[in-house]
Amino acid sequence: MRKNLFLFLLFLLVLVYAAPSSAKGNQLNYRLKWLFNASVAGDIYADAKGYFSDAGLDVNVKEGSPEKNAINELELGYADFGVASADQVIRALDKGAQIFVIAQLFQVNPMQWIYRTDQPEIKTLEDLKGRNIGITFGGNDETIMNTLFAKGGITKKDVTITGVRFDFTPFFMRKVDVWPVYRNSQGVILKDKLVREGEEVYFFNPADFGVNFVANSVVTSKEMLKNNPDLVEKFLNSLLKGWEAAMDPKNEEIALEAVKKLDKSTNDVIRKKQLNATRDLIKPSVSIRIGTIDISAWKQTEEIMLKEKQIKKPVNIETHLIQIK
């Protein structure tokens, strides 16, 4: 009897703690796309410096992972806001999700390729010919590279394609010439390691060749926008205030200290380099307001995904982009 009562009480506790949040009062859940590190410095800064609480909000900033998808949590009611890449947003819309983009964090996609400077610099797409190029099959980098190939009139016979994982050994062993990285995370680590061994590197940025595939952006649900527009505005203003402050070089030490409290596995030197690399991607020009949505880049991203048959039909992405002022 006692055992059954215990199980019943345990079941009730599970229901209570697993129940969707759905913006109870001013309590909000914000799910990031990846782990706490310098690439989410603005999110961390907004929370650590009290920008959310100053606006009367109680925001739980939760790190992400491959198993924790912000869009899924929005749809289930476990998150009120989240961070997702453009391809995640567009795929979700293709499946009928009711979500909207309210800010674009990265103005330049961190997905790039690293290669050594003892190889000819890639100045035109023609310069890709003859290279051994690493690609994560099924990843964003495959889609982006295929688009670059089509744009440059390059066939698979002109290059060697090697499937890659998280093991960088083939790149270090020079079995792969051009390796996909996130410029502000793995790119920093690989560059640092090679420089210490006396080797310099270049980065191949698809945006330099006209391919603007949008990266991480802030998303929310149709229900949140409709029922709580004041909360959306307060949340976003506080968040972007945090990003502007964190990306300001004058606040670098404060931002690094806030990140360090949550990212203890990265050393101080790498963390600082990652923050600087993130700044160049989030705010590539002082005139750009953080959070600005590049509508043409979003439309290009949808066109690329449609051509690559990653979505079945157009989703008219521009109708799901809400630039909140």
C-alpha atoms as a PDB file:
ATOM      1  CA  MET A   1       0.000   0.000   0.000  1.00  0.00           C
ATOM      2  CA  ARG A   2       2.778   2.421   1.001  1.00  0.00           C
ATOM      3  CA  LYS A   3       4.641   1.537  -2.175  1.00  0.00           C
ATOM      4  CA  ASN A   4       1.607   2.383  -4.328  1.00  0.00           C
ATOM      5  CA  LEU A   5       1.127   5.675  -2.479  1.00  0.00           C
ATOM      6  CA  PHE A   6       4.785   6.547  -3.009  1.00  0.00           C
ATOM      7  CA  LEU A   7       4.540   5.806  -6.736  1.00  0.00           C
ATOM      8  CA  PHE A   8       1.393   7.917  -7.000  1.00  0.00           C
ATOM      9  CA  LEU A   9       3.067  10.888  -5.291  1.00  0.00           C
ATOM     10  CA  LEU A  10       6.125  10.464  -7.490  1.00  0.00           C
ATOM     11  CA  PHE A  11       3.876  10.523 -10.551  1.00  0.00           C
ATOM     12  CA  LEU A  12       2.285  13.773  -9.379  1.00  0.00           C
ATOM     13  CA  LEU A  13       5.706  15.355  -8.878  1.00  0.00           C
ATOM     14  CA  VAL A  14       6.740  14.385 -12.402  1.00  0.00           C
ATOM     15  CA  LEU A  15       3.603  16.022 -13.781  1.00  0.00           C
ATOM     16  CA  VAL A  16       4.231  19.207 -11.847  1.00  0.00           C
ATOM     17  CA  TYR A  17       7.873  19.604 -12.811  1.00  0.00           C
ATOM     18  CA  ALA A  18       7.410  18.504 -16.413  1.00  0.00           C
ATOM     19  CA  ALA A  19       4.454  20.784 -17.099  1.00  0.00           C
ATOM     20  CA  PRO A  20       4.942  23.320 -19.883  1.00  0.00           C
ATOM     21  CA  SER A  21       5.951  26.811 -18.746  1.00  0.00           C
ATOM     22  CA  SER A  22       4.023  28.872 -21.320  1.00  0.00           C
ATOM     23  CA  ALA A  23       5.099  32.200 -19.782  1.00  0.00           C
ATOM     24  CA  LYS A  24       3.555  31.978 -16.328  1.00  0.00           C
ATOM     25  CA  GLY A  25       3.515  35.579 -15.205  1.00  0.00           C
ATOM     26  CA  ASN A  26       6.901  37.032 -16.090  1.00  0.00           C
ATOM     27  CA  GLN A  27       8.740  33.710 -15.752  1.00  0.00           C
ATOM     28  CA  LEU A  28      10.257  32.750 -19.085  1.00  0.00           C
ATOM     29  CA  ASN A  29      12.349  29.860 -20.370  1.00  0.00           C
ATOM     30  CA  TYR A  30      14.949  30.641 -23.037  1.00  0.00           C
ATOM     31  CA  ARG A  31      16.578  27.628 -24.688  1.00  0.00           C
ATOM     32  CA  LEU A  32      19.903  28.211 -26.435  1.00  0.00           C
ATOM     33  CA  LYS A  33      21.091  26.190 -29.427  1.00  0.00           C
ATOM     34  CA  TRP A  34      24.389  25.065 -27.937  1.00  0.00           C
ATOM     35  CA  LEU A  35      26.457  24.878 -24.760  1.00  0.00           C
ATOM     36  CA  PHE A  36      27.519  27.874 -22.709  1.00  0.00           C
ATOM     37  CA  ASN A  37      30.633  29.408 -24.270  1.00  0.00           C
ATOM     38  CA  ALA A  38      31.823  32.663 -25.814  1.00  0.00           C
ATOM     39  CA  SER A  39      29.551  32.210 -28.832  1.00  0.00           C
ATOM     40  CA  VAL A  40      26.553  32.936 -26.566  1.00  0.00           C
ATOM     41  CA  ALA A  41      28.247  35.719 -24.608  1.00  0.00           C
ATOM     42  CA  GLY A  42      25.370  38.132 -25.139  1.00  0.00           C
ATOM     43  CA  ASP A  43      22.804  35.706 -23.751  1.00  0.00           C
ATOM     44  CA  ILE A  44      24.974  35.102 -20.696  1.00  0.00           C
ATOM     45  CA  TYR A  45      25.693  38.818 -20.243  1.00  0.00           C
ATOM     46  CA  ALA A  46      22.005  39.824 -20.332  1.00  0.00           C
ATOM     47  CA  ASP A  47      21.288  37.379 -17.529  1.00  0.00           C
ATOM     48  CA  ALA A  48      24.424  37.984 -15.449  1.00  0.00           C
ATOM     49  CA  LYS A  49      24.131  41.786 -15.523  1.00  0.00           C
ATOM     50  CA  GLY A  50      20.457  41.735 -14.558  1.00  0.00           C
ATOM     51  CA  TYR A  51      19.017  43.158 -17.773  1.00  0.00           C
ATOM     52  CA  PHE A  52      16.131  40.705 -17.676  1.00  0.00           C
ATOM     53  CA  SER A  53      15.332  41.351 -14.019  1.00  0.00           C
ATOM     54  CA  ASP A  54      15.570  45.116 -14.596  1.00  0.00           C
ATOM     55  CA  ALA A  55      12.712  44.675 -17.087  1.00  0.00           C
ATOM     56  CA  GLY A  56      10.684  42.755 -14.509  1.00  0.00           C
ATOM     57  CA  LEU A  57      11.402  39.380 -16.107  1.00  0.00           C
ATOM     58  CA  ASP A  58      12.510  36.119 -14.515  1.00  0.00           C
ATOM     59  CA  VAL A  59      14.317  34.407 -17.383  1.00  0.00           C
ATOM     60  CA  ASN A  60      15.802  30.933 -17.127  1.00  0.00           C
ATOM     61  CA  VAL A  61      18.588  30.832 -19.732  1.00  0.00           C
ATOM     62  CA  LYS A  62      19.184  27.160 -20.524  1.00  0.00           C
ATOM     63  CA  GLU A  63      22.064  25.842 -22.604  1.00  0.00           C
ATOM     64  CA  GLY A  64      21.291  23.686 -25.597  1.00  0.00           C
ATOM     65  CA  SER A  65      22.680  20.483 -27.053  1.00  0.00           C
ATOM     66  CA  PRO A  66      21.962  18.119 -29.953  1.00  0.00           C
ATOM     67  CA  GLU A  67      19.275  16.496 -27.794  1.00  0.00           C
ATOM     68  CA  LYS A  68      17.599  19.779 -26.777  1.00  0.00           C
ATOM     69  CA  ASN A  69      15.959  21.462 -29.741  1.00  0.00           C
ATOM     70  CA  ALA A  70      14.580  24.939 -29.063  1.00  0.00           C
ATOM     71  CA  ILE A  71      11.840  24.688 -31.694  1.00  0.00           C
ATOM     72  CA  ASN A  72      10.562  21.392 -30.304  1.00  0.00           C
ATOM     73  CA  GLU A  73      10.451  22.932 -26.837  1.00  0.00           C
ATOM     74  CA  LEU A  74       8.548  25.956 -28.160  1.00  0.00           C
ATOM     75  CA  GLU A  75       5.942  23.706 -29.719  1.00  0.00           C
ATOM     76  CA  LEU A  76       5.615  21.625 -26.544  1.00  0.00           C
ATOM     77  CA  GLY A  77       5.409  24.709 -24.333  1.00  0.00           C
ATOM     78  CA  TYR A  78       8.615  23.975 -22.421  1.00  0.00           C
ATOM     79  CA  ALA A  79      10.323  27.115 -23.759  1.00  0.00           C
ATOM     80  CA  ASP A  80       8.999  30.598 -24.477  1.00  0.00           C
ATOM     81  CA  PHE A  81      11.946  31.737 -26.583  1.00  0.00           C
ATOM     82  CA  GLY A  82      14.793  29.883 -28.201  1.00  0.00           C
ATOM     83  CA  VAL A  83      17.737  30.035 -30.561  1.00  0.00           C
ATOM     84  CA  ALA A  84      17.686  28.119 -33.838  1.00  0.00           C
ATOM     85  CA  SER A  85      19.557  28.209 -37.120  1.00  0.00           C
ATOM     86  CA  ALA A  86      17.725  29.202 -40.295  1.00  0.00           C
ATOM     87  CA  ASP A  87      17.629  25.667 -41.659  1.00  0.00           C
ATOM     88  CA  GLN A  88      15.961  24.451 -38.438  1.00  0.00           C
ATOM     89  CA  VAL A  89      13.372  27.223 -38.701  1.00  0.00           C
ATOM     90  CA  ILE A  90      12.634  26.582 -42.372  1.00  0.00           C
ATOM     91  CA  ARG A  91      12.391  22.800 -41.911  1.00  0.00           C
ATOM     92  CA  ALA A  92       9.978  23.319 -39.009  1.00  0.00           C
ATOM     93  CA  LEU A  93       7.807  25.672 -41.067  1.00  0.00           C
ATOM     94  CA  ASP A  94       7.783  23.126 -43.886  1.00  0.00           C
ATOM     95  CA  LYS A  95       6.285  20.671 -41.384  1.00  0.00           C
ATOM     96  CA  GLY A  96       3.628  23.131 -40.243  1.00  0.00           C
ATOM     97  CA  ALA A  97       5.203  24.708 -37.147  1.00  0.00           C
ATOM     98  CA  GLN A  98       3.781  28.043 -35.990  1.00  0.00           C
ATOM     99  CA  ILE A  99       6.989  29.894 -35.142  1.00  0.00           C
ATOM    100  CA  PHE A 100       8.470  33.307 -35.892  1.00  0.00           C
ATOM    101  CA  VAL A 101      11.938  34.814 -36.007  1.00  0.00           C
ATOM    102  CA  ILE A 102      12.201  38.005 -33.926  1.00  0.00           C
ATOM    103  CA  ALA A 103      15.949  38.684 -34.150  1.00  0.00           C
ATOM    104  CA  GLN A 104      18.946  37.472 -36.144  1.00  0.00           C
ATOM    105  CA  LEU A 105      22.017  37.172 -33.945  1.00  0.00           C
ATOM    106  CA  PHE A 106      24.725  36.195 -36.430  1.00  0.00           C
ATOM    107  CA  GLN A 107      25.048  38.562 -39.378  1.00  0.00           C
ATOM    108  CA  VAL A 108      27.808  36.320 -40.783  1.00  0.00           C
ATOM    109  CA  ASN A 109      27.440  32.549 -40.636  1.00  0.00           C
ATOM    110  CA  PRO A 110      30.188  31.020 -38.454  1.00  0.00           C
ATOM    111  CA  MET A 111      30.168  27.897 -40.646  1.00  0.00           C
ATOM    112  CA  GLN A 112      33.349  28.286 -42.703  1.00  0.00           C
ATOM    113  CA  TRP A 113      36.340  26.207 -43.845  1.00  0.00           C
ATOM    114  CA  ILE A 114      39.918  26.350 -42.573  1.00  0.00           C
ATOM    115  CA  TYR A 115      43.031  25.596 -44.668  1.00  0.00           C
ATOM    116  CA  ARG A 116      46.770  26.211 -44.444  1.00  0.00           C
ATOM    117  CA  THR A 117      48.493  29.211 -46.012  1.00  0.00           C
ATOM    118  CA  ASP A 118      51.091  26.996 -47.699  1.00  0.00           C
ATOM    119  CA  GLN A 119      48.259  26.133 -50.101  1.00  0.00           C
ATOM    120  CA  PRO A 120      47.091  28.600 -52.782  1.00  0.00           C
ATOM    121  CA  GLU A 121      44.592  31.084 -51.392  1.00  0.00           C
ATOM    122  CA  ILE A 122      40.986  30.546 -52.475  1.00  0.00           C
ATOM    123  CA  LYS A 123      40.248  33.867 -54.156  1.00  0.00           C
ATOM    124  CA  THR A 124      37.624  32.597 -56.601  1.00  0.00           C
ATOM    125  CA  LEU A 125      35.389  29.527 -56.620  1.00  0.00           C
ATOM    126  CA  GLU A 126      37.583  28.163 -59.418  1.00  0.00           C
ATOM    127  CA  ASP A 127      40.309  27.849 -56.790  1.00  0.00           C
ATOM    128  CA  LEU A 128      38.329  25.052 -55.119  1.00  0.00           C
ATOM    129  CA  LYS A 129      39.186  22.747 -57.986  1.00  0.00           C
ATOM    130  CA  GLY A 130      41.698  20.055 -57.131  1.00  0.00           C
ATOM    131  CA  ARG A 131      41.184  20.443 -53.374  1.00  0.00           C
ATOM    132  CA  ASN A 132      40.281  17.698 -50.941  1.00  0.00           C
ATOM    133  CA  ILE A 133      37.292  19.266 -49.164  1.00  0.00           C
ATOM    134  CA  GLY A 134      35.846  18.039 -45.898  1.00  0.00           C
ATOM    135  CA  ILE A 135      32.059  17.924 -45.593  1.00  0.00           C
ATOM    136  CA  THR A 136      29.742  16.753 -42.828  1.00  0.00           C
ATOM    137  CA  PHE A 137      27.245  14.699 -44.815  1.00  0.00           C
ATOM    138  CA  GLY A 138      23.750  15.837 -43.925  1.00  0.00           C
ATOM    139  CA  GLY A 139      25.028  19.012 -42.282  1.00  0.00           C
ATOM    140  CA  ASN A 140      24.701  22.680 -43.165  1.00  0.00           C
ATOM    141  CA  ASP A 141      28.173  22.681 -44.618  1.00  0.00           C
ATOM    142  CA  GLU A 142      27.179  20.109 -47.259  1.00  0.00           C
ATOM    143  CA  THR A 143      24.261  22.275 -48.374  1.00  0.00           C
ATOM    144  CA  ILE A 144      26.418  25.410 -48.454  1.00  0.00           C
ATOM    145  CA  MET A 145      29.262  23.738 -50.353  1.00  0.00           C
ATOM    146  CA  ASN A 146      26.888  22.223 -52.918  1.00  0.00           C
ATOM    147  CA  THR A 147      25.508  25.720 -53.510  1.00  0.00           C
ATOM    148  CA  LEU A 148      29.029  27.072 -53.989  1.00  0.00           C
ATOM    149  CA  PHE A 149      29.790  24.277 -56.454  1.00  0.00           C
ATOM    150  CA  ALA A 150      26.672  25.109 -58.473  1.00  0.00           C
ATOM    151  CA  LYS A 151      27.466  28.821 -58.372  1.00  0.00           C
ATOM    152  CA  GLY A 152      31.021  28.222 -59.585  1.00  0.00           C
ATOM    153  CA  GLY A 153      30.128  25.573 -62.166  1.00  0.00           C
ATOM    154  CA  ILE A 154      32.200  23.003 -60.294  1.00  0.00           C
ATOM    155  CA  THR A 155      31.378  19.315 -60.573  1.00  0.00           C
ATOM    156  CA  LYS A 156      32.179  16.580 -58.071  1.00  0.00           C
ATOM    157  CA  LYS A 157      34.836  15.390 -60.538  1.00  0.00           C
ATOM    158  CA  ASP A 158      36.712  18.661 -60.039  1.00  0.00           C
ATOM    159  CA  VAL A 159      37.238  18.077 -56.315  1.00  0.00           C
ATOM    160  CA  THR A 160      37.703  15.299 -53.782  1.00  0.00           C
ATOM    161  CA  ILE A 161      35.011  15.137 -51.119  1.00  0.00           C
ATOM    162  CA  THR A 162      35.797  13.539 -47.757  1.00  0.00           C
ATOM    163  CA  GLY A 163      33.176  12.932 -45.088  1.00  0.00           C
ATOM    164  CA  VAL A 164      34.268  14.310 -41.715  1.00  0.00           C
ATOM    165  CA  ARG A 165      33.297  13.989 -38.067  1.00  0.00           C
ATOM    166  CA  PHE A 166      34.532  15.634 -34.878  1.00  0.00           C
ATOM    167  CA  ASP A 167      37.951  14.007 -35.148  1.00  0.00           C
ATOM    168  CA  PHE A 168      40.335  16.593 -36.646  1.00  0.00           C
ATOM    169  CA  THR A 169      43.140  14.073 -37.225  1.00  0.00           C
ATOM    170  CA  PRO A 170      42.671  13.902 -41.048  1.00  0.00           C
ATOM    171  CA  PHE A 171      43.156  17.678 -41.198  1.00  0.00           C
ATOM    172  CA  PHE A 172      46.212  17.651 -38.945  1.00  0.00           C
ATOM    173  CA  MET A 173      47.644  14.746 -41.000  1.00  0.00           C
ATOM    174  CA  ARG A 174      46.970  16.730 -44.229  1.00  0.00           C
ATOM    175  CA  LYS A 175      44.686  14.035 -45.595  1.00  0.00           C
ATOM    176  CA  VAL A 176      42.005  16.710 -46.015  1.00  0.00           C
ATOM    177  CA  ASP A 177      43.006  20.167 -47.260  1.00  0.00           C
ATOM    178  CA  VAL A 178      39.928  22.279 -46.485  1.00  0.00           C
ATOM    179  CA  TRP A 179      38.110  21.485 -43.239  1.00  0.00           C
ATOM    180  CA  PRO A 180      34.648  22.698 -42.069  1.00  0.00           C
ATOM    181  CA  VAL A 181      34.588  24.571 -38.760  1.00  0.00           C
ATOM    182  CA  TYR A 182      32.542  27.025 -36.805  1.00  0.00           C
ATOM    183  CA  ARG A 183      34.771  30.061 -37.154  1.00  0.00           C
ATOM    184  CA  ASN A 184      34.312  31.255 -33.568  1.00  0.00           C
ATOM    185  CA  SER A 185      34.736  27.898 -31.817  1.00  0.00           C
ATOM    186  CA  GLN A 186      36.602  25.024 -33.510  1.00  0.00           C
ATOM    187  CA  GLY A 187      38.144  27.522 -35.919  1.00  0.00           C
ATOM    188  CA  VAL A 188      39.790  29.355 -33.043  1.00  0.00           C
ATOM    189  CA  ILE A 189      41.065  26.134 -31.456  1.00  0.00           C
ATOM    190  CA  LEU A 190      42.487  24.703 -34.704  1.00  0.00           C
ATOM    191  CA  LYS A 191      44.114  27.979 -35.689  1.00  0.00           C
ATOM    192  CA  ASP A 192      45.704  28.326 -32.254  1.00  0.00           C
ATOM    193  CA  LYS A 193      47.096  24.798 -32.375  1.00  0.00           C
ATOM    194  CA  LEU A 194      48.543  25.180 -35.874  1.00  0.00           C
ATOM    195  CA  VAL A 195      50.063  28.600 -35.144  1.00  0.00           C
ATOM    196  CA  ARG A 196      51.829  27.144 -32.104  1.00  0.00           C
ATOM    197  CA  GLU A 197      53.277  24.532 -34.469  1.00  0.00           C
ATOM    198  CA  GLY A 198      54.489  27.189 -36.877  1.00  0.00           C
ATOM    199  CA  GLU A 199      51.657  27.000 -39.423  1.00  0.00           C
ATOM    200  CA  GLU A 200      49.363  29.821 -40.516  1.00  0.00           C
ATOM    201  CA  VAL A 201      45.817  29.413 -41.815  1.00  0.00           C
ATOM    202  CA  TYR A 202      43.187  30.995 -44.042  1.00  0.00           C
ATOM    203  CA  PHE A 203      39.422  30.825 -43.601  1.00  0.00           C
ATOM    204  CA  PHE A 204      37.128  30.275 -46.572  1.00  0.00           C
ATOM    205  CA  ASN A 205      33.909  32.217 -45.956  1.00  0.00           C
ATOM    206  CA  PRO A 206      30.966  31.389 -48.291  1.00  0.00           C
ATOM    207  CA  ALA A 207      29.519  34.879 -47.744  1.00  0.00           C
ATOM    208  CA  ASP A 208      32.539  36.312 -49.592  1.00  0.00           C
ATOM    209  CA  PHE A 209      31.286  34.433 -52.641  1.00  0.00           C
ATOM    210  CA  GLY A 210      27.637  35.468 -52.449  1.00  0.00           C
ATOM    211  CA  VAL A 211      26.221  32.584 -50.413  1.00  0.00           C
ATOM    212  CA  ASN A 212      24.541  34.013 -47.301  1.00  0.00           C
ATOM    213  CA  PHE A 213      23.111  31.059 -45.404  1.00  0.00           C
ATOM    214  CA  VAL A 214      21.623  32.429 -42.167  1.00  0.00           C
ATOM    215  CA  ALA A 215      22.794  31.056 -38.823  1.00  0.00           C
ATOM    216  CA  ASN A 216      21.476  31.445 -35.265  1.00  0.00           C
ATOM    217  CA  SER A 217      18.407  33.582 -34.626  1.00  0.00           C
ATOM    218  CA  VAL A 218      15.924  34.151 -31.805  1.00  0.00           C
ATOM    219  CA  VAL A 219      12.550  32.453 -32.281  1.00  0.00           C
ATOM    220  CA  THR A 220       9.241  32.319 -30.476  1.00  0.00           C
ATOM    221  CA  SER A 221       5.776  30.895 -31.008  1.00  0.00           C
ATOM    222  CA  LYS A 222       2.783  32.433 -32.717  1.00  0.00           C
ATOM    223  CA  GLU A 223       0.908  32.069 -29.428  1.00  0.00           C
ATOM    224  CA  MET A 224       3.525  34.087 -27.530  1.00  0.00           C
ATOM    225  CA  LEU A 225       3.495  36.891 -30.096  1.00  0.00           C
ATOM    226  CA  LYS A 226      -0.290  37.037 -30.076  1.00  0.00           C
ATOM    227  CA  ASN A 227      -0.966  36.716 -26.344  1.00  0.00           C
ATOM    228  CA  ASN A 228       2.091  38.366 -24.773  1.00  0.00           C
ATOM    229  CA  PRO A 229       3.455  41.072 -27.109  1.00  0.00           C
ATOM    230  CA  ASP A 230       4.622  43.153 -24.139  1.00  0.00           C
ATOM    231  CA  LEU A 231       6.681  40.237 -22.772  1.00  0.00           C
ATOM    232  CA  VAL A 232       8.177  39.628 -26.204  1.00  0.00           C
ATOM    233  CA  GLU A 233       9.260  43.253 -26.476  1.00  0.00           C
ATOM    234  CA  LYS A 234      10.691  43.376 -22.948  1.00  0.00           C
ATOM    235  CA  PHE A 235      12.535  40.083 -23.396  1.00  0.00           C
ATOM    236  CA  LEU A 236      14.031  41.001 -26.748  1.00  0.00           C
ATOM    237  CA  ASN A 237      15.067  44.509 -25.724  1.00  0.00           C
ATOM    238  CA  SER A 238      16.807  43.099 -22.637  1.00  0.00           C
ATOM    239  CA  LEU A 239      18.481  40.337 -24.638  1.00  0.00           C
ATOM    240  CA  LEU A 240      19.781  42.624 -27.372  1.00  0.00           C
ATOM    241  CA  LYS A 241      20.970  45.123 -24.760  1.00  0.00           C
ATOM    242  CA  GLY A 242      23.023  42.265 -23.327  1.00  0.00           C
ATOM    243  CA  TRP A 243      24.437  41.392 -26.733  1.00  0.00           C
ATOM    244  CA  GLU A 244      25.346  45.002 -27.527  1.00  0.00           C
ATOM    245  CA  ALA A 245      27.144  45.321 -24.190  1.00  0.00           C
ATOM    246  CA  ALA A 246      28.917  41.959 -24.482  1.00  0.00           C
ATOM    247  CA  MET A 247      30.170  42.756 -27.990  1.00  0.00           C
ATOM    248  CA  ASP A 248      31.468  46.194 -26.953  1.00  0.00           C
ATOM    249  CA  PRO A 249      35.282  45.905 -26.611  1.00  0.00           C
ATOM    250  CA  LYS A 250      35.085  48.178 -23.560  1.00  0.00           C
ATOM    251  CA  ASN A 251      33.196  45.417 -21.726  1.00  0.00           C
ATOM    252  CA  GLU A 252      35.426  42.557 -22.871  1.00  0.00           C
ATOM    253  CA  GLU A 253      36.787  41.626 -19.439  1.00  0.00           C
ATOM    254  CA  ILE A 254      33.326  41.707 -17.860  1.00  0.00           C
ATOM    255  CA  ALA A 255      31.913  39.549 -20.666  1.00  0.00           C
ATOM    256  CA  LEU A 256      34.772  37.058 -20.400  1.00  0.00           C
ATOM    257  CA  GLU A 257      34.318  36.754 -16.651  1.00  0.00           C
ATOM    258  CA  ALA A 258      30.585  36.084 -17.054  1.00  0.00           C
ATOM    259  CA  VAL A 259      31.270  33.400 -19.683  1.00  0.00           C
ATOM    260  CA  LYS A 260      34.030  31.825 -17.594  1.00  0.00           C
ATOM    261  CA  LYS A 261      31.635  31.173 -14.723  1.00  0.00           C
ATOM    262  CA  LEU A 262      29.605  28.877 -16.996  1.00  0.00           C
ATOM    263  CA  ASP A 263      32.309  27.597 -19.361  1.00  0.00           C
ATOM    264  CA  LYS A 264      35.043  26.166 -17.152  1.00  0.00           C
ATOM    265  CA  SER A 265      36.484  23.773 -19.739  1.00  0.00           C
ATOM    266  CA  THR A 266      37.979  26.437 -22.018  1.00  0.00           C
ATOM    267  CA  ASN A 267      41.202  28.225 -21.095  1.00  0.00           C
ATOM    268  CA  ASP A 268      41.345  32.020 -20.817  1.00  0.00           C
ATOM    269  CA  VAL A 269      43.386  32.586 -23.985  1.00  0.00           C
ATOM    270  CA  ILE A 270      41.063  30.546 -26.222  1.00  0.00           C
ATOM    271  CA  ARG A 271      37.978  32.032 -24.586  1.00  0.00           C
ATOM    272  CA  LYS A 272      39.159  35.553 -25.391  1.00  0.00           C
ATOM    273  CA  LYS A 273      39.938  34.640 -29.001  1.00  0.00           C
ATOM    274  CA  GLN A 274      36.515  33.016 -29.330  1.00  0.00           C
ATOM    275  CA  LEU A 275      34.830  36.154 -28.010  1.00  0.00           C
ATOM    276  CA  ASN A 276      36.717  38.314 -30.512  1.00  0.00           C
ATOM    277  CA  ALA A 277      35.786  35.966 -33.363  1.00  0.00           C
ATOM    278  CA  THR A 278      32.145  35.998 -32.251  1.00  0.00           C
ATOM    279  CA  ARG A 279      32.146  39.810 -32.237  1.00  0.00           C
ATOM    280  CA  ASP A 280      33.182  39.868 -35.911  1.00  0.00           C
ATOM    281  CA  LEU A 281      30.267  37.588 -36.800  1.00  0.00           C
ATOM    282  CA  ILE A 282      27.585  39.203 -34.639  1.00  0.00           C
ATOM    283  CA  LYS A 283      28.536  42.814 -35.344  1.00  0.00           C
ATOM    284  CA  PRO A 284      30.784  42.920 -38.433  1.00  0.00           C
ATOM    285  CA  SER A 285      30.259  46.686 -38.655  1.00  0.00           C
ATOM    286  CA  VAL A 286      29.671  49.288 -35.947  1.00  0.00           C
ATOM    287  CA  SER A 287      26.719  50.559 -37.976  1.00  0.00           C
ATOM    288  CA  ILE A 288      24.874  47.219 -37.772  1.00  0.00           C
ATOM    289  CA  ARG A 289      22.313  46.945 -35.005  1.00  0.00           C
ATOM    290  CA  ILE A 290      22.546  43.560 -33.337  1.00  0.00           C
ATOM    291  CA  GLY A 291      19.415  41.553 -34.027  1.00  0.00           C
ATOM    292  CA  THR A 292      18.832  42.979 -37.509  1.00  0.00           C
ATOM    293  CA  ILE A 293      17.060  40.461 -39.735  1.00  0.00           C
ATOM    294  CA  ASP A 294      18.608  40.132 -43.195  1.00  0.00           C
ATOM    295  CA  ILE A 295      15.473  39.310 -45.186  1.00  0.00           C
ATOM    296  CA  SER A 296      17.303  38.742 -48.474  1.00  0.00           C
ATOM    297  CA  ALA A 297      19.675  36.264 -46.795  1.00  0.00           C
ATOM    298  CA  TRP A 298      16.712  34.376 -45.312  1.00  0.00           C
ATOM    299  CA  LYS A 299      15.051  34.196 -48.715  1.00  0.00           C
ATOM    300  CA  GLN A 300      18.295  32.945 -50.248  1.00  0.00           C
ATOM    301  CA  THR A 301      18.559  30.307 -47.530  1.00  0.00           C
ATOM    302  CA  GLU A 302      15.039  29.091 -48.323  1.00  0.00           C
ATOM    303  CA  GLU A 303      15.834  29.009 -52.047  1.00  0.00           C
ATOM    304  CA  ILE A 304      18.973  26.970 -51.382  1.00  0.00           C
ATOM    305  CA  MET A 305      17.106  24.470 -49.217  1.00  0.00           C
ATOM    306  CA  LEU A 306      14.324  24.139 -51.779  1.00  0.00           C
ATOM    307  CA  LYS A 307      16.827  23.539 -54.568  1.00  0.00           C
ATOM    308  CA  GLU A 308      18.671  20.999 -52.427  1.00  0.00           C
ATOM    309  CA  LYS A 309      15.281  19.310 -51.737  1.00  0.00           C
ATOM    310  CA  GLN A 310      15.602  19.783 -47.985  1.00  0.00           C
ATOM    311  CA  ILE A 311      12.031  21.127 -47.928  1.00  0.00           C
ATOM    312  CA  LYS A 312       9.097  19.965 -50.007  1.00  0.00           C
ATOM    313  CA  LYS A 313       7.570  23.350 -50.803  1.00  0.00           C
ATOM    314  CA  PRO A 314       8.199  27.077 -50.365  1.00  0.00           C
ATOM    315  CA  VAL A 315       7.496  28.308 -46.833  1.00  0.00           C
ATOM    316  CA  ASN A 316       7.529  32.046 -47.692  1.00  0.00           C
ATOM    317  CA  ILE A 317      10.009  32.719 -44.921  1.00  0.00           C
ATOM    318  CA  GLU A 318       9.603  36.499 -45.155  1.00  0.00           C
ATOM    319  CA  THR A 319       6.125  36.129 -43.617  1.00  0.00           C
ATOM    320  CA  HIS A 320       7.698  34.611 -40.497  1.00  0.00           C
ATOM    321  CA  LEU A 321      10.289  37.330 -39.895  1.00  0.00           C
ATOM    322  CA  ILE A 322       9.226  39.929 -37.317  1.00  0.00           C
ATOM    323  CA  GLN A 323      11.661  42.808 -36.823  1.00  0.00           C
ATOM    324  CA  ILE A 324      10.720  44.151 -33.387  1.00  0.00           C
ATOM    325  CA  LYS A 325      11.930  47.715 -32.770  1.00  0.00           C
END
